[in-house]
Amino acid sequence: MDDVMRKVKELEALVVELEALDRRRVGLGDRLVDLEHFFRRAGCPELSQQALDAFVVTYAGRVLELADGMRG
């Protein structure tokens, strides 16, 4: 039973850590979107595209990859 209780505590700690990571990830995604909009409005299409690519490939792509792994 002690092993089970240790694993319960490990799970609880991991959930807290993942929630904090998720909040940080969402904040980073928001910042990428803000930068993409800023560069687009500033007439910097290359920089706008760079921010968009970072969001789509690195941010959203990783989220989709993780979701796909959870299904399998």
PDB file of N, CA and C in Angstrom:
ATOM      1  N   MET A   1       0.824  -1.205   0.000  1.00  0.00           N
ATOM      2  CA  MET A   1       0.000   0.000   0.000  1.00  0.00           C
ATOM      3  C   MET A   1       0.864   1.263   0.000  1.00  0.00           C
ATOM      4  N   ASP A   2       2.025   1.202   0.658  1.00  0.00           N
ATOM      5  CA  ASP A   2       2.918   2.351   0.668  1.00  0.00           C
ATOM      6  C   ASP A   2       3.356   2.733  -0.749  1.00  0.00           C
ATOM      7  N   ASP A   3       3.598   1.710  -1.586  1.00  0.00           N
ATOM      8  CA  ASP A   3       3.979   1.976  -2.971  1.00  0.00           C
ATOM      9  C   ASP A   3       2.869   2.721  -3.706  1.00  0.00           C
ATOM     10  N   VAL A   4       1.641   2.313  -3.475  1.00  0.00           N
ATOM     11  CA  VAL A   4       0.500   2.958  -4.118  1.00  0.00           C
ATOM     12  C   VAL A   4       0.393   4.411  -3.667  1.00  0.00           C
ATOM     13  N   MET A   5       0.548   4.652  -2.397  1.00  0.00           N
ATOM     14  CA  MET A   5       0.441   6.026  -1.882  1.00  0.00           C
ATOM     15  C   MET A   5       1.559   6.916  -2.427  1.00  0.00           C
ATOM     16  N   ARG A   6       2.769   6.351  -2.557  1.00  0.00           N
ATOM     17  CA  ARG A   6       3.875   7.116  -3.143  1.00  0.00           C
ATOM     18  C   ARG A   6       3.566   7.481  -4.594  1.00  0.00           C
ATOM     19  N   LYS A   7       2.987   6.545  -5.312  1.00  0.00           N
ATOM     20  CA  LYS A   7       2.645   6.801  -6.719  1.00  0.00           C
ATOM     21  C   LYS A   7       1.499   7.808  -6.826  1.00  0.00           C
ATOM     22  N   VAL A   8       0.573   7.789  -5.881  1.00  0.00           N
ATOM     23  CA  VAL A   8      -0.505   8.783  -5.859  1.00  0.00           C
ATOM     24  C   VAL A   8       0.092  10.170  -5.683  1.00  0.00           C
ATOM     25  N   LYS A   9       1.030  10.308  -4.762  1.00  0.00           N
ATOM     26  CA  LYS A   9       1.683  11.603  -4.532  1.00  0.00           C
ATOM     27  C   LYS A   9       2.483  12.030  -5.767  1.00  0.00           C
ATOM     28  N   GLU A  10       3.133  11.078  -6.402  1.00  0.00           N
ATOM     29  CA  GLU A  10       3.884  11.365  -7.628  1.00  0.00           C
ATOM     30  C   GLU A  10       2.942  11.871  -8.722  1.00  0.00           C
ATOM     31  N   LEU A  11       1.802  11.207  -8.857  1.00  0.00           N
ATOM     32  CA  LEU A  11       0.801  11.615  -9.845  1.00  0.00           C
ATOM     33  C   LEU A  11       0.289  13.017  -9.558  1.00  0.00           C
ATOM     34  N   GLU A  12      -0.037  13.295  -8.312  1.00  0.00           N
ATOM     35  CA  GLU A  12      -0.535  14.622  -7.936  1.00  0.00           C
ATOM     36  C   GLU A  12       0.503  15.708  -8.243  1.00  0.00           C
ATOM     37  N   ALA A  13       1.760  15.437  -7.939  1.00  0.00           N
ATOM     38  CA  ALA A  13       2.829  16.405  -8.212  1.00  0.00           C
ATOM     39  C   ALA A  13       2.995  16.615  -9.712  1.00  0.00           C
ATOM     40  N   LEU A  14       2.892  15.549 -10.466  1.00  0.00           N
ATOM     41  CA  LEU A  14       3.029  15.641 -11.915  1.00  0.00           C
ATOM     42  C   LEU A  14       1.892  16.447 -12.531  1.00  0.00           C
ATOM     43  N   VAL A  15       0.692  16.262 -12.037  1.00  0.00           N
ATOM     44  CA  VAL A  15      -0.456  17.023 -12.529  1.00  0.00           C
ATOM     45  C   VAL A  15      -0.255  18.518 -12.269  1.00  0.00           C
ATOM     46  N   VAL A  16       0.213  18.867 -11.088  1.00  0.00           N
ATOM     47  CA  VAL A  16       0.484  20.274 -10.759  1.00  0.00           C
ATOM     48  C   VAL A  16       1.541  20.836 -11.702  1.00  0.00           C
ATOM     49  N   GLU A  17       2.590  20.070 -11.930  1.00  0.00           N
ATOM     50  CA  GLU A  17       3.667  20.502 -12.822  1.00  0.00           C
ATOM     51  C   GLU A  17       3.167  20.684 -14.253  1.00  0.00           C
ATOM     52  N   LEU A  18       2.349  19.760 -14.723  1.00  0.00           N
ATOM     53  CA  LEU A  18       1.801  19.861 -16.077  1.00  0.00           C
ATOM     54  C   LEU A  18       0.861  21.056 -16.220  1.00  0.00           C
ATOM     55  N   GLU A  19       0.088  21.340 -15.196  1.00  0.00           N
ATOM     56  CA  GLU A  19      -0.800  22.502 -15.249  1.00  0.00           C
ATOM     57  C   GLU A  19       0.014  23.793 -15.362  1.00  0.00           C
ATOM     58  N   ALA A  20       1.107  23.889 -14.623  1.00  0.00           N
ATOM     59  CA  ALA A  20       1.972  25.073 -14.697  1.00  0.00           C
ATOM     60  C   ALA A  20       2.615  25.169 -16.077  1.00  0.00           C
ATOM     61  N   LEU A  21       3.059  24.051 -16.600  1.00  0.00           N
ATOM     62  CA  LEU A  21       3.655  24.027 -17.932  1.00  0.00           C
ATOM     63  C   LEU A  21       2.637  24.440 -18.989  1.00  0.00           C
ATOM     64  N   ASP A  22       1.420  23.981 -18.848  1.00  0.00           N
ATOM     65  CA  ASP A  22       0.366  24.331 -19.793  1.00  0.00           C
ATOM     66  C   ASP A  22       0.094  25.835 -19.778  1.00  0.00           C
ATOM     67  N   ARG A  23       0.038  26.424 -18.588  1.00  0.00           N
ATOM     68  CA  ARG A  23      -0.175  27.873 -18.499  1.00  0.00           C
ATOM     69  C   ARG A  23       0.960  28.626 -19.188  1.00  0.00           C
ATOM     70  N   ARG A  24       2.192  28.166 -18.987  1.00  0.00           N
ATOM     71  CA  ARG A  24       3.340  28.806 -19.633  1.00  0.00           C
ATOM     72  C   ARG A  24       3.258  28.646 -21.145  1.00  0.00           C
ATOM     73  N   ARG A  25       2.904  27.452 -21.600  1.00  0.00           N
ATOM     74  CA  ARG A  25       2.794  27.177 -23.042  1.00  0.00           C
ATOM     75  C   ARG A  25       1.731  28.079 -23.681  1.00  0.00           C
ATOM     76  N   VAL A  26       0.593  28.233 -23.022  1.00  0.00           N
ATOM     77  CA  VAL A  26      -0.466  29.100 -23.546  1.00  0.00           C
ATOM     78  C   VAL A  26       0.036  30.541 -23.614  1.00  0.00           C
ATOM     79  N   GLY A  27       0.761  30.965 -22.604  1.00  0.00           N
ATOM     80  CA  GLY A  27       1.322  32.320 -22.609  1.00  0.00           C
ATOM     81  C   GLY A  27       2.296  32.528 -23.753  1.00  0.00           C
ATOM     82  N   LEU A  28       3.122  31.524 -24.023  1.00  0.00           N
ATOM     83  CA  LEU A  28       4.059  31.624 -25.145  1.00  0.00           C
ATOM     84  C   LEU A  28       3.313  31.682 -26.477  1.00  0.00           C
ATOM     85  N   GLY A  29       2.274  30.887 -26.591  1.00  0.00           N
ATOM     86  CA  GLY A  29       1.470  30.918 -27.818  1.00  0.00           C
ATOM     87  C   GLY A  29       0.827  32.280 -28.018  1.00  0.00           C
ATOM     88  N   ASP A  30       0.312  32.863 -26.959  1.00  0.00           N
ATOM     89  CA  ASP A  30      -0.277  34.205 -27.042  1.00  0.00           C
ATOM     90  C   ASP A  30       0.748  35.221 -27.510  1.00  0.00           C
ATOM     91  N   ARG A  31       1.964  35.112 -26.986  1.00  0.00           N
ATOM     92  CA  ARG A  31       3.016  36.052 -27.370  1.00  0.00           C
ATOM     93  C   ARG A  31       3.391  35.890 -28.844  1.00  0.00           C
ATOM     94  N   LEU A  32       3.438  34.649 -29.325  1.00  0.00           N
ATOM     95  CA  LEU A  32       3.729  34.423 -30.746  1.00  0.00           C
ATOM     96  C   LEU A  32       2.647  35.042 -31.629  1.00  0.00           C
ATOM     97  N   VAL A  33       1.404  34.862 -31.248  1.00  0.00           N
ATOM     98  CA  VAL A  33       0.293  35.447 -32.013  1.00  0.00           C
ATOM     99  C   VAL A  33       0.381  36.972 -32.004  1.00  0.00           C
ATOM    100  N   ASP A  34       0.666  37.542 -30.843  1.00  0.00           N
ATOM    101  CA  ASP A  34       0.812  39.001 -30.749  1.00  0.00           C
ATOM    102  C   ASP A  34       1.932  39.502 -31.653  1.00  0.00           C
ATOM    103  N   LEU A  35       3.061  38.784 -31.663  1.00  0.00           N
ATOM    104  CA  LEU A  35       4.177  39.188 -32.522  1.00  0.00           C
ATOM    105  C   LEU A  35       3.815  39.065 -33.999  1.00  0.00           C
ATOM    106  N   GLU A  36       3.125  38.007 -34.347  1.00  0.00           N
ATOM    107  CA  GLU A  36       2.714  37.838 -35.749  1.00  0.00           C
ATOM    108  C   GLU A  36       1.835  38.994 -36.175  1.00  0.00           C
ATOM    109  N   HIS A  37       0.862  39.379 -35.351  1.00  0.00           N
ATOM    110  CA  HIS A  37      -0.030  40.503 -35.675  1.00  0.00           C
ATOM    111  C   HIS A  37       0.755  41.809 -35.742  1.00  0.00           C
ATOM    112  N   PHE A  38       1.664  42.017 -34.804  1.00  0.00           N
ATOM    113  CA  PHE A  38       2.462  43.242 -34.795  1.00  0.00           C
ATOM    114  C   PHE A  38       3.269  43.370 -36.082  1.00  0.00           C
ATOM    115  N   PHE A  39       3.996  42.314 -36.438  1.00  0.00           N
ATOM    116  CA  PHE A  39       4.839  42.376 -37.623  1.00  0.00           C
ATOM    117  C   PHE A  39       4.007  42.537 -38.900  1.00  0.00           C
ATOM    118  N   ARG A  40       2.849  41.907 -38.947  1.00  0.00           N
ATOM    119  CA  ARG A  40       1.972  42.049 -40.123  1.00  0.00           C
ATOM    120  C   ARG A  40       1.506  43.493 -40.256  1.00  0.00           C
ATOM    121  N   ARG A  41       1.051  44.091 -39.137  1.00  0.00           N
ATOM    122  CA  ARG A  41       0.596  45.486 -39.172  1.00  0.00           C
ATOM    123  C   ARG A  41       1.736  46.459 -39.445  1.00  0.00           C
ATOM    124  N   ALA A  42       2.954  46.078 -39.036  1.00  0.00           N
ATOM    125  CA  ALA A  42       4.119  46.943 -39.244  1.00  0.00           C
ATOM    126  C   ALA A  42       4.677  46.813 -40.661  1.00  0.00           C
ATOM    127  N   GLY A  43       4.088  45.952 -41.461  1.00  0.00           N
ATOM    128  CA  GLY A  43       4.542  45.792 -42.835  1.00  0.00           C
ATOM    129  C   GLY A  43       5.815  44.968 -42.954  1.00  0.00           C
ATOM    130  N   CYS A  44       5.981  44.016 -42.078  1.00  0.00           N
ATOM    131  CA  CYS A  44       7.156  43.134 -42.088  1.00  0.00           C
ATOM    132  C   CYS A  44       6.696  41.700 -42.356  1.00  0.00           C
ATOM    133  N   PRO A  45       6.371  41.392 -43.615  1.00  0.00           N
ATOM    134  CA  PRO A  45       5.789  40.076 -43.896  1.00  0.00           C
ATOM    135  C   PRO A  45       6.711  38.902 -43.568  1.00  0.00           C
ATOM    136  N   GLU A  46       8.020  39.081 -43.729  1.00  0.00           N
ATOM    137  CA  GLU A  46       8.931  37.977 -43.428  1.00  0.00           C
ATOM    138  C   GLU A  46       8.922  37.647 -41.932  1.00  0.00           C
ATOM    139  N   LEU A  47       8.931  38.689 -41.103  1.00  0.00           N
ATOM    140  CA  LEU A  47       8.906  38.481 -39.662  1.00  0.00           C
ATOM    141  C   LEU A  47       7.543  37.956 -39.211  1.00  0.00           C
ATOM    142  N   SER A  48       6.489  38.444 -39.840  1.00  0.00           N
ATOM    143  CA  SER A  48       5.152  37.934 -39.541  1.00  0.00           C
ATOM    144  C   SER A  48       5.083  36.440 -39.845  1.00  0.00           C
ATOM    145  N   GLN A  49       5.627  36.052 -40.989  1.00  0.00           N
ATOM    146  CA  GLN A  49       5.617  34.643 -41.380  1.00  0.00           C
ATOM    147  C   GLN A  49       6.470  33.803 -40.433  1.00  0.00           C
ATOM    148  N   GLN A  50       7.588  34.360 -39.996  1.00  0.00           N
ATOM    149  CA  GLN A  50       8.456  33.639 -39.052  1.00  0.00           C
ATOM    150  C   GLN A  50       7.713  33.358 -37.741  1.00  0.00           C
ATOM    151  N   ALA A  51       7.001  34.347 -37.237  1.00  0.00           N
ATOM    152  CA  ALA A  51       6.227  34.151 -36.004  1.00  0.00           C
ATOM    153  C   ALA A  51       5.095  33.152 -36.226  1.00  0.00           C
ATOM    154  N   LEU A  52       4.435  33.258 -37.377  1.00  0.00           N
ATOM    155  CA  LEU A  52       3.352  32.324 -37.695  1.00  0.00           C
ATOM    156  C   LEU A  52       3.880  30.897 -37.818  1.00  0.00           C
ATOM    157  N   ASP A  53       5.018  30.740 -38.499  1.00  0.00           N
ATOM    158  CA  ASP A  53       5.620  29.406 -38.639  1.00  0.00           C
ATOM    159  C   ASP A  53       5.983  28.823 -37.281  1.00  0.00           C
ATOM    160  N   ALA A  54       6.543  29.652 -36.411  1.00  0.00           N
ATOM    161  CA  ALA A  54       6.909  29.177 -35.077  1.00  0.00           C
ATOM    162  C   ALA A  54       5.667  28.705 -34.333  1.00  0.00           C
ATOM    163  N   PHE A  55       4.568  29.446 -34.484  1.00  0.00           N
ATOM    164  CA  PHE A  55       3.330  29.061 -33.814  1.00  0.00           C
ATOM    165  C   PHE A  55       2.788  27.754 -34.379  1.00  0.00           C
ATOM    166  N   VAL A  56       2.685  27.681 -35.693  1.00  0.00           N
ATOM    167  CA  VAL A  56       2.065  26.521 -36.331  1.00  0.00           C
ATOM    168  C   VAL A  56       2.919  25.268 -36.178  1.00  0.00           C
ATOM    169  N   VAL A  57       4.212  25.395 -36.445  1.00  0.00           N
ATOM    170  CA  VAL A  57       5.078  24.216 -36.452  1.00  0.00           C
ATOM    171  C   VAL A  57       5.467  23.805 -35.029  1.00  0.00           C
ATOM    172  N   THR A  58       5.987  24.749 -34.276  1.00  0.00           N
ATOM    173  CA  THR A  58       6.530  24.408 -32.965  1.00  0.00           C
ATOM    174  C   THR A  58       5.456  24.326 -31.904  1.00  0.00           C
ATOM    175  N   TYR A  59       4.567  25.296 -31.858  1.00  0.00           N
ATOM    176  CA  TYR A  59       3.565  25.361 -30.794  1.00  0.00           C
ATOM    177  C   TYR A  59       2.390  24.439 -31.093  1.00  0.00           C
ATOM    178  N   ALA A  60       1.634  24.773 -32.114  1.00  0.00           N
ATOM    179  CA  ALA A  60       0.433  23.994 -32.423  1.00  0.00           C
ATOM    180  C   ALA A  60       0.792  22.584 -32.883  1.00  0.00           C
ATOM    181  N   GLY A  61       1.866  22.458 -33.649  1.00  0.00           N
ATOM    182  CA  GLY A  61       2.276  21.142 -34.125  1.00  0.00           C
ATOM    183  C   GLY A  61       2.596  20.192 -32.986  1.00  0.00           C
ATOM    184  N   ARG A  62       3.266  20.692 -31.977  1.00  0.00           N
ATOM    185  CA  ARG A  62       3.609  19.847 -30.827  1.00  0.00           C
ATOM    186  C   ARG A  62       2.365  19.469 -30.032  1.00  0.00           C
ATOM    187  N   VAL A  63       1.435  20.391 -29.911  1.00  0.00           N
ATOM    188  CA  VAL A  63       0.184  20.095 -29.212  1.00  0.00           C
ATOM    189  C   VAL A  63      -0.557  18.976 -29.934  1.00  0.00           C
ATOM    190  N   LEU A  64      -0.633  19.067 -31.258  1.00  0.00           N
ATOM    191  CA  LEU A  64      -1.319  18.025 -32.032  1.00  0.00           C
ATOM    192  C   LEU A  64      -0.577  16.692 -31.937  1.00  0.00           C
ATOM    193  N   GLU A  65       0.744  16.751 -31.950  1.00  0.00           N
ATOM    194  CA  GLU A  65       1.545  15.537 -31.819  1.00  0.00           C
ATOM    195  C   GLU A  65       1.292  14.860 -30.471  1.00  0.00           C
ATOM    196  N   LEU A  66       1.245  15.645 -29.425  1.00  0.00           N
ATOM    197  CA  LEU A  66       0.975  15.088 -28.097  1.00  0.00           C
ATOM    198  C   LEU A  66      -0.422  14.502 -28.021  1.00  0.00           C
ATOM    199  N   ALA A  67      -1.402  15.211 -28.598  1.00  0.00           N
ATOM    200  CA  ALA A  67      -2.780  14.711 -28.584  1.00  0.00           C
ATOM    201  C   ALA A  67      -2.876  13.395 -29.345  1.00  0.00           C
ATOM    202  N   ASP A  68      -2.186  13.307 -30.461  1.00  0.00           N
ATOM    203  CA  ASP A  68      -2.197  12.077 -31.251  1.00  0.00           C
ATOM    204  C   ASP A  68      -1.578  10.935 -30.454  1.00  0.00           C
ATOM    205  N   GLY A  69      -0.519  11.215 -29.721  1.00  0.00           N
ATOM    206  CA  GLY A  69       0.123  10.184 -28.898  1.00  0.00           C
ATOM    207  C   GLY A  69      -0.761   9.706 -27.773  1.00  0.00           C
ATOM    208  N   MET A  70      -1.608  10.593 -27.255  1.00  0.00           N
ATOM    209  CA  MET A  70      -2.512  10.214 -26.171  1.00  0.00           C
ATOM    210  C   MET A  70      -3.586   9.244 -26.674  1.00  0.00           C
ATOM    211  N   ARG A  71      -3.942   9.357 -27.943  1.00  0.00           N
ATOM    212  CA  ARG A  71      -4.961   8.461 -28.494  1.00  0.00           C
ATOM    213  C   ARG A  71      -4.448   7.068 -28.699  1.00  0.00           C
ATOM    214  N   GLY A  72      -3.141   6.953 -28.987  1.00  0.00           N
ATOM    215  CA  GLY A  72      -2.554   5.659 -29.344  1.00  0.00           C
ATOM    216  C   GLY A  72      -2.260   4.750 -28.220  1.00  0.00           C
TER     217      GLY A  72
END
